[in-house]
Amino acid sequence: MFALRLPDPIQKSPCHTLESLPIDNLKEGPGPNRRPGRRWLITVVAIALVAAMAVHLSERRDDLAAFQQLSAKVLLATVFSQMLSQLFWNGAMLLPLRDFMRQLGFWELLMVRTGGFVAGYIVPVAGNLAVRMGYLKRRGLTYSEFTWATIVSNVLAILSAATLAVIALGVLWAAAGMPSAAALGLTASLLALGIAAVAVLQRLPGLAGLPWFQKWPWLSGMSAFTTSHRTIAGALVLLFMRQCCSFLTFGLLFQSLSPVPVAFVTGGLVYAITSPVRMVVVTPGNLGVNEWVVAFVGQVLSVHLTTGLIVAVVFRGVTLAAQVLGVLIGGVWLARWGT
């Protein structure tokens, strides 16, 4: 199912969102890969980031004893929470896609998304996008429709994360007093990003209809697209529930590893603030990028840098385990009731 040819527009891109937004040179049709050196550069960056993380952790072996504080109950709870997060995220992506593909199944999309996730580790940057776009295009979805549905999902994901961050900041304020200027600034920046993304989404169909954009078929094709308020509301609810599940995962991990009194809420706030970073795939699987961003944001919020790295590594592991569980459930479902 997933042995798909990589389209040219994907191979040319320097980076894509995790849920894969095409860039301005996306064309209808494949072509030669003209920038093979970029893949090597991306791979080198990933290796450097992972190596730096390994060196940092090896120099602080005493801090690694914190792994022992992660009980089996916590790990099982986080895996279950992440599995729910993946299911909610899948449902939120399905709703705008259903405007164009009425017959697209929930578990079918989950399997394709998981295939793209795996491909993202194998093919730097492009694999995730290639699998999903290639499969859905063969099912009749156009590049413009894929792009629109993806943009809607990502914009609402940022908005839901910003909402959760504001709530978490309010809880921290009530429990521990006035938050730091850095916490206020990061939360305000995320909220501004969410509002700006919604504003751009509202204006996008009008901009796509302008003559200047006609040279990009995937963009000009969105001039007549709209998404109903019902679809937006449903997707936003699912995304907020998805963010809450991941908030719970980060909160439990930080609470287990950090002596900070409000570690649970602080960990959840770290997740919410860093969630947009997970949408921008810079290295294969965003290896190293997610971990260091989580660590630095955690340090800004008074969490030890090593604790942040450990949480990010464990979060990646439980997310992989949750996706495996999701694929097993989806495979059983499709084997019995689907194709």
Protein backbone atom coordinates (compact mmCIF):
# COMPACT_ATOMS: atom_id res chain seq x y z
CA MET A 1 0.00 0.00 0.00
CA PHE A 2 2.76 2.39 0.91
CA ALA A 3 5.26 1.72 -1.91
CA LEU A 4 4.48 5.00 -3.62
CA ARG A 5 6.55 7.11 -5.97
CA LEU A 6 7.61 10.45 -4.47
CA PRO A 7 6.15 13.40 -6.36
CA ASP A 8 8.56 16.14 -7.40
CA PRO A 9 6.98 18.95 -5.39
CA ILE A 10 7.64 17.10 -2.18
CA GLN A 11 11.26 16.45 -2.98
CA LYS A 12 11.93 20.11 -3.68
CA SER A 13 10.64 21.40 -0.37
CA PRO A 14 13.02 22.48 2.40
CA CYS A 15 10.47 21.62 5.06
CA HIS A 16 6.86 20.63 5.45
CA THR A 17 4.45 20.60 8.29
CA LEU A 18 4.08 17.32 10.10
CA GLU A 19 0.65 17.09 8.60
CA SER A 20 2.22 18.37 5.40
CA LEU A 21 1.44 21.71 3.84
CA PRO A 22 2.61 21.95 0.21
CA ILE A 23 4.86 24.89 -0.66
CA ASP A 24 4.79 27.42 -3.43
CA ASN A 25 6.49 25.27 -6.06
CA LEU A 26 3.97 22.44 -5.87
CA LYS A 27 2.92 21.37 -9.36
CA GLU A 28 0.48 18.86 -10.74
CA GLY A 29 2.74 16.00 -11.72
CA PRO A 30 6.09 14.34 -10.94
CA GLY A 31 9.52 15.41 -12.04
CA PRO A 32 13.21 14.84 -11.35
CA ASN A 33 14.77 15.48 -7.96
CA ARG A 34 17.14 18.40 -8.50
CA ARG A 35 18.34 18.92 -4.93
CA PRO A 36 19.75 15.64 -3.59
CA GLY A 37 22.30 17.58 -1.53
CA ARG A 38 19.53 18.96 0.65
CA ARG A 39 18.69 15.48 1.91
CA TRP A 40 22.27 14.95 2.99
CA LEU A 41 22.28 18.31 4.78
CA ILE A 42 19.06 17.47 6.60
CA THR A 43 20.43 14.08 7.61
CA VAL A 44 23.64 15.67 8.90
CA VAL A 45 21.61 18.14 10.96
CA ALA A 46 19.58 15.29 12.47
CA ILE A 47 22.72 13.34 13.33
CA ALA A 48 24.30 16.43 14.92
CA LEU A 49 21.23 17.14 17.06
CA VAL A 50 20.89 13.54 18.21
CA ALA A 51 24.64 13.33 18.91
CA ALA A 52 24.50 16.51 20.98
CA MET A 53 21.62 15.07 22.95
CA ALA A 54 23.49 11.80 23.53
CA VAL A 55 26.60 13.68 24.72
CA HIS A 56 24.56 15.85 27.07
CA LEU A 57 22.80 12.88 28.64
CA SER A 58 25.99 10.82 28.89
CA GLU A 59 27.66 13.65 30.83
CA ARG A 60 24.80 13.66 33.33
CA ARG A 61 24.43 9.98 34.12
CA ASP A 62 23.15 10.73 37.58
CA ASP A 63 20.20 12.56 36.07
CA LEU A 64 19.43 9.52 33.92
CA ALA A 65 18.44 7.71 37.10
CA ALA A 66 15.21 9.68 36.72
CA PHE A 67 14.11 7.03 34.22
CA GLN A 68 13.61 4.72 37.20
CA GLN A 69 10.95 7.09 38.50
CA LEU A 70 8.74 6.25 35.55
CA SER A 71 6.51 3.50 36.86
CA ALA A 72 4.77 0.97 34.66
CA LYS A 73 1.44 2.62 35.50
CA VAL A 74 2.67 5.99 34.24
CA LEU A 75 4.02 4.49 31.03
CA LEU A 76 0.83 2.54 30.35
CA ALA A 77 -1.27 5.61 31.07
CA THR A 78 0.79 7.73 28.68
CA VAL A 79 0.64 5.13 25.91
CA PHE A 80 -3.15 4.92 26.29
CA SER A 81 -3.40 8.71 26.37
CA GLN A 82 -1.33 9.02 23.21
CA MET A 83 -3.40 6.38 21.44
CA LEU A 84 -6.51 8.45 22.19
CA SER A 85 -4.63 11.52 20.99
CA GLN A 86 -3.88 9.84 17.67
CA LEU A 87 -7.51 8.77 17.25
CA PHE A 88 -8.81 12.27 17.96
CA TRP A 89 -6.23 13.76 15.56
CA ASN A 90 -7.24 11.28 12.89
CA GLY A 91 -10.91 12.18 13.31
CA ALA A 92 -10.10 15.89 13.12
CA MET A 93 -8.21 15.37 9.85
CA LEU A 94 -10.99 13.20 8.45
CA LEU A 95 -13.74 15.81 8.83
CA PRO A 96 -12.41 18.36 6.29
CA LEU A 97 -11.32 15.53 3.96
CA ARG A 98 -14.87 14.15 4.01
CA ASP A 99 -16.02 17.32 2.22
CA PHE A 100 -14.20 15.93 -0.84
CA MET A 101 -14.11 12.16 -0.16
CA ARG A 102 -17.37 10.97 1.36
CA GLN A 103 -16.30 7.33 1.36
CA LEU A 104 -12.94 7.80 3.09
CA GLY A 105 -12.92 5.60 6.18
CA PHE A 106 -11.62 6.46 9.63
CA TRP A 107 -9.33 3.44 9.95
CA GLU A 108 -8.28 3.70 6.32
CA LEU A 109 -7.01 7.23 6.93
CA LEU A 110 -5.31 6.13 10.15
CA MET A 111 -3.39 3.43 8.31
CA VAL A 112 -2.32 5.85 5.58
CA ARG A 113 -1.25 8.47 8.14
CA THR A 114 0.77 5.88 10.02
CA GLY A 115 2.43 4.78 6.79
CA GLY A 116 3.35 8.41 6.16
CA PHE A 117 4.69 8.74 9.70
CA VAL A 118 6.98 5.75 9.19
CA ALA A 119 8.05 7.00 5.76
CA GLY A 120 8.98 10.32 7.36
CA TYR A 121 11.74 8.52 9.27
CA ILE A 122 13.03 6.82 6.11
CA VAL A 123 12.79 9.65 3.57
CA PRO A 124 13.90 12.98 5.08
CA VAL A 125 11.09 15.54 5.13
CA ALA A 126 9.18 14.25 2.11
CA GLY A 127 8.10 10.74 3.07
CA ASN A 128 5.13 11.65 5.27
CA LEU A 129 3.61 13.92 2.64
CA ALA A 130 4.31 11.57 -0.25
CA VAL A 131 2.50 8.57 1.20
CA ARG A 132 -0.66 10.39 2.17
CA MET A 133 -0.87 12.64 -0.87
CA GLY A 134 -0.05 9.78 -3.23
CA TYR A 135 -2.63 7.43 -1.73
CA LEU A 136 -5.43 9.99 -1.50
CA LYS A 137 -4.71 11.30 -5.00
CA ARG A 138 -5.16 7.78 -6.35
CA ARG A 139 -8.51 7.75 -4.56
CA GLY A 140 -9.54 10.85 -6.51
CA LEU A 141 -8.46 13.71 -4.24
CA THR A 142 -6.82 16.66 -6.00
CA TYR A 143 -3.76 18.52 -4.76
CA SER A 144 -5.90 21.59 -4.04
CA GLU A 145 -8.40 19.59 -1.99
CA PHE A 146 -5.63 17.85 -0.06
CA THR A 147 -3.93 21.17 0.64
CA TRP A 148 -7.12 22.86 1.80
CA ALA A 149 -8.10 20.04 4.17
CA THR A 150 -4.56 19.93 5.55
CA ILE A 151 -4.44 23.68 6.12
CA VAL A 152 -7.79 23.62 7.92
CA SER A 153 -6.62 20.81 10.23
CA ASN A 154 -3.31 22.51 11.03
CA VAL A 155 -4.82 25.94 11.66
CA LEU A 156 -7.38 24.50 14.05
CA ALA A 157 -4.64 22.45 15.74
CA ILE A 158 -2.64 25.61 16.45
CA LEU A 159 -5.75 27.40 17.73
CA SER A 160 -6.67 24.51 20.05
CA ALA A 161 -3.11 24.33 21.40
CA ALA A 162 -3.14 28.08 22.06
CA THR A 163 -6.45 27.79 23.91
CA LEU A 164 -5.09 25.00 26.07
CA ALA A 165 -1.92 27.00 26.77
CA VAL A 166 -3.96 29.98 27.98
CA ILE A 167 -5.97 27.71 30.29
CA ALA A 168 -2.79 26.09 31.65
CA LEU A 169 -1.20 29.49 32.21
CA GLY A 170 -4.29 30.59 34.14
CA VAL A 171 -4.10 27.48 36.34
CA LEU A 172 -0.40 28.12 37.01
CA TRP A 173 -1.16 31.74 37.87
CA ALA A 174 -3.82 30.67 40.38
CA ALA A 175 -1.70 27.90 41.91
CA ALA A 176 1.78 29.43 42.02
CA GLY A 177 1.37 33.15 41.55
CA MET A 178 2.38 35.43 38.72
CA PRO A 179 4.03 33.41 35.89
CA SER A 180 7.39 34.46 34.54
CA ALA A 181 7.63 36.97 31.74
CA ALA A 182 8.92 34.17 29.48
CA ALA A 183 5.86 32.03 30.15
CA LEU A 184 3.55 34.97 29.46
CA GLY A 185 5.45 35.85 26.31
CA LEU A 186 5.51 32.32 24.89
CA THR A 187 1.80 31.79 25.58
CA ALA A 188 0.90 35.17 24.09
CA SER A 189 2.99 34.38 20.99
CA LEU A 190 1.23 31.06 20.51
CA LEU A 191 -2.17 32.71 20.89
CA ALA A 192 -1.20 35.39 18.36
CA LEU A 193 -0.04 32.67 15.97
CA GLY A 194 -3.36 30.85 16.30
CA ILE A 195 -5.40 34.00 15.66
CA ALA A 196 -3.22 34.96 12.70
CA ALA A 197 -3.55 31.46 11.22
CA VAL A 198 -7.35 31.65 11.43
CA ALA A 199 -7.32 35.08 9.76
CA VAL A 200 -5.15 33.77 6.91
CA LEU A 201 -7.43 30.75 6.48
CA GLN A 202 -10.47 33.01 6.13
CA ARG A 203 -8.78 35.11 3.46
CA LEU A 204 -7.13 32.24 1.59
CA PRO A 205 -9.95 31.46 -0.91
CA GLY A 206 -10.12 35.13 -1.92
CA LEU A 207 -6.36 35.35 -2.34
CA ALA A 208 -6.29 32.10 -4.31
CA GLY A 209 -8.65 33.61 -6.88
CA LEU A 210 -6.33 36.51 -7.72
CA PRO A 211 -4.71 36.37 -11.19
CA TRP A 212 -1.19 36.42 -9.71
CA PHE A 213 -1.76 33.01 -8.08
CA GLN A 214 -2.96 31.27 -11.23
CA LYS A 215 0.55 29.94 -11.93
CA TRP A 216 0.21 27.67 -8.87
CA PRO A 217 -2.65 25.26 -9.73
CA TRP A 218 -2.79 23.76 -6.23
CA LEU A 219 -3.35 27.26 -4.77
CA SER A 220 -5.65 28.77 -7.39
CA GLY A 221 -7.84 25.67 -7.16
CA MET A 222 -8.80 26.62 -3.60
CA SER A 223 -10.55 29.84 -4.65
CA ALA A 224 -14.01 28.28 -4.35
CA PHE A 225 -13.37 26.13 -1.25
CA THR A 226 -15.24 26.63 1.99
CA THR A 227 -15.56 24.57 5.15
CA SER A 228 -18.85 24.57 7.01
CA HIS A 229 -19.11 25.86 10.55
CA ARG A 230 -20.28 22.41 11.60
CA THR A 231 -17.11 20.79 10.23
CA ILE A 232 -14.89 23.43 11.83
CA ALA A 233 -16.64 23.09 15.19
CA GLY A 234 -16.41 19.29 15.10
CA ALA A 235 -12.75 19.31 14.13
CA LEU A 236 -11.94 21.93 16.76
CA VAL A 237 -13.57 19.85 19.50
CA LEU A 238 -11.66 16.74 18.41
CA LEU A 239 -8.40 18.68 18.25
CA PHE A 240 -8.91 20.17 21.69
CA MET A 241 -9.49 16.66 23.06
CA ARG A 242 -6.36 15.53 21.23
CA GLN A 243 -4.36 18.35 22.79
CA CYS A 244 -5.75 17.48 26.24
CA CYS A 245 -4.57 13.87 25.85
CA SER A 246 -1.05 14.97 24.94
CA PHE A 247 -1.19 17.58 27.72
CA LEU A 248 -1.95 14.70 30.10
CA THR A 249 0.97 12.70 28.73
CA PHE A 250 3.46 15.53 29.20
CA GLY A 251 2.00 16.38 32.58
CA LEU A 252 2.39 12.84 33.89
CA LEU A 253 5.96 12.57 32.60
CA PHE A 254 7.04 15.91 34.03
CA GLN A 255 5.31 15.15 37.32
CA SER A 256 7.21 11.86 37.59
CA LEU A 257 10.59 13.36 36.76
CA SER A 258 10.58 16.90 38.09
CA PRO A 259 10.53 18.13 41.71
CA VAL A 260 8.73 21.34 40.69
CA PRO A 261 5.48 21.59 42.75
CA VAL A 262 3.33 22.41 39.73
CA ALA A 263 5.20 20.06 37.39
CA PHE A 264 2.04 18.53 35.91
CA VAL A 265 0.61 21.82 34.65
CA THR A 266 4.06 23.11 33.73
CA GLY A 267 4.67 19.99 31.63
CA GLY A 268 1.33 20.40 29.91
CA LEU A 269 2.13 24.04 29.18
CA VAL A 270 5.46 22.99 27.66
CA TYR A 271 3.58 20.62 25.37
CA ALA A 272 1.06 23.26 24.30
CA ILE A 273 3.72 25.88 23.58
CA THR A 274 5.89 23.46 21.60
CA SER A 275 3.04 21.80 19.66
CA PRO A 276 3.49 23.97 16.52
CA VAL A 277 7.10 22.78 16.27
CA ARG A 278 5.84 19.22 15.75
CA MET A 279 4.03 20.43 12.64
CA VAL A 280 7.27 21.59 11.01
CA VAL A 281 9.35 18.61 9.94
CA VAL A 282 12.97 19.67 9.53
CA THR A 283 14.78 16.35 10.00
CA PRO A 284 13.63 12.74 9.45
CA GLY A 285 10.89 12.24 12.02
CA ASN A 286 11.98 15.64 13.39
CA LEU A 287 14.62 13.75 15.36
CA GLY A 288 16.54 16.03 17.66
CA VAL A 289 14.42 19.08 16.83
CA ASN A 290 11.45 18.15 19.01
CA GLU A 291 13.69 17.05 21.87
CA TRP A 292 15.81 20.19 22.04
CA VAL A 293 12.86 22.55 21.63
CA VAL A 294 11.01 20.82 24.48
CA ALA A 295 14.15 20.94 26.62
CA PHE A 296 14.79 24.65 26.01
CA VAL A 297 11.15 25.68 26.54
CA GLY A 298 11.07 23.57 29.70
CA GLN A 299 14.22 25.29 30.93
CA VAL A 300 12.62 28.70 30.29
CA LEU A 301 9.73 27.53 32.47
CA SER A 302 12.13 26.53 35.28
CA VAL A 303 12.45 22.84 34.43
CA HIS A 304 15.90 21.23 34.27
CA LEU A 305 17.21 20.90 30.72
CA THR A 306 17.96 17.19 31.16
CA THR A 307 14.44 16.55 32.42
CA GLY A 308 13.04 18.16 29.30
CA LEU A 309 15.20 15.98 27.07
CA ILE A 310 14.17 12.82 28.92
CA VAL A 311 10.50 13.73 28.69
CA ALA A 312 10.79 14.43 24.96
CA VAL A 313 12.55 11.10 24.34
CA VAL A 314 9.96 9.16 26.35
CA PHE A 315 7.16 11.06 24.64
CA ARG A 316 8.49 9.97 21.25
CA GLY A 317 8.63 6.37 22.47
CA VAL A 318 5.09 6.26 23.87
CA THR A 319 3.79 7.98 20.73
CA LEU A 320 5.37 5.27 18.57
CA ALA A 321 3.88 2.58 20.83
CA ALA A 322 0.47 4.26 20.62
CA GLN A 323 0.62 4.35 16.83
CA VAL A 324 1.50 0.66 16.73
CA LEU A 325 -1.58 -0.06 18.85
CA GLY A 326 -3.68 2.11 16.58
CA VAL A 327 -2.43 0.28 13.50
CA LEU A 328 -3.20 -3.10 15.09
CA ILE A 329 -6.74 -2.00 15.90
CA GLY A 330 -7.17 -0.48 12.45
CA GLY A 331 -5.80 -3.58 10.77
CA VAL A 332 -8.23 -5.82 12.62
CA TRP A 333 -11.12 -3.50 11.77
CA LEU A 334 -10.27 -3.32 8.09
CA ALA A 335 -9.70 -7.06 7.90
CA ARG A 336 -13.15 -7.75 9.29
CA TRP A 337 -15.31 -4.90 8.03
CA GLY A 338 -13.35 -2.89 5.45
CA THR A 339 -10.90 -3.01 2.56
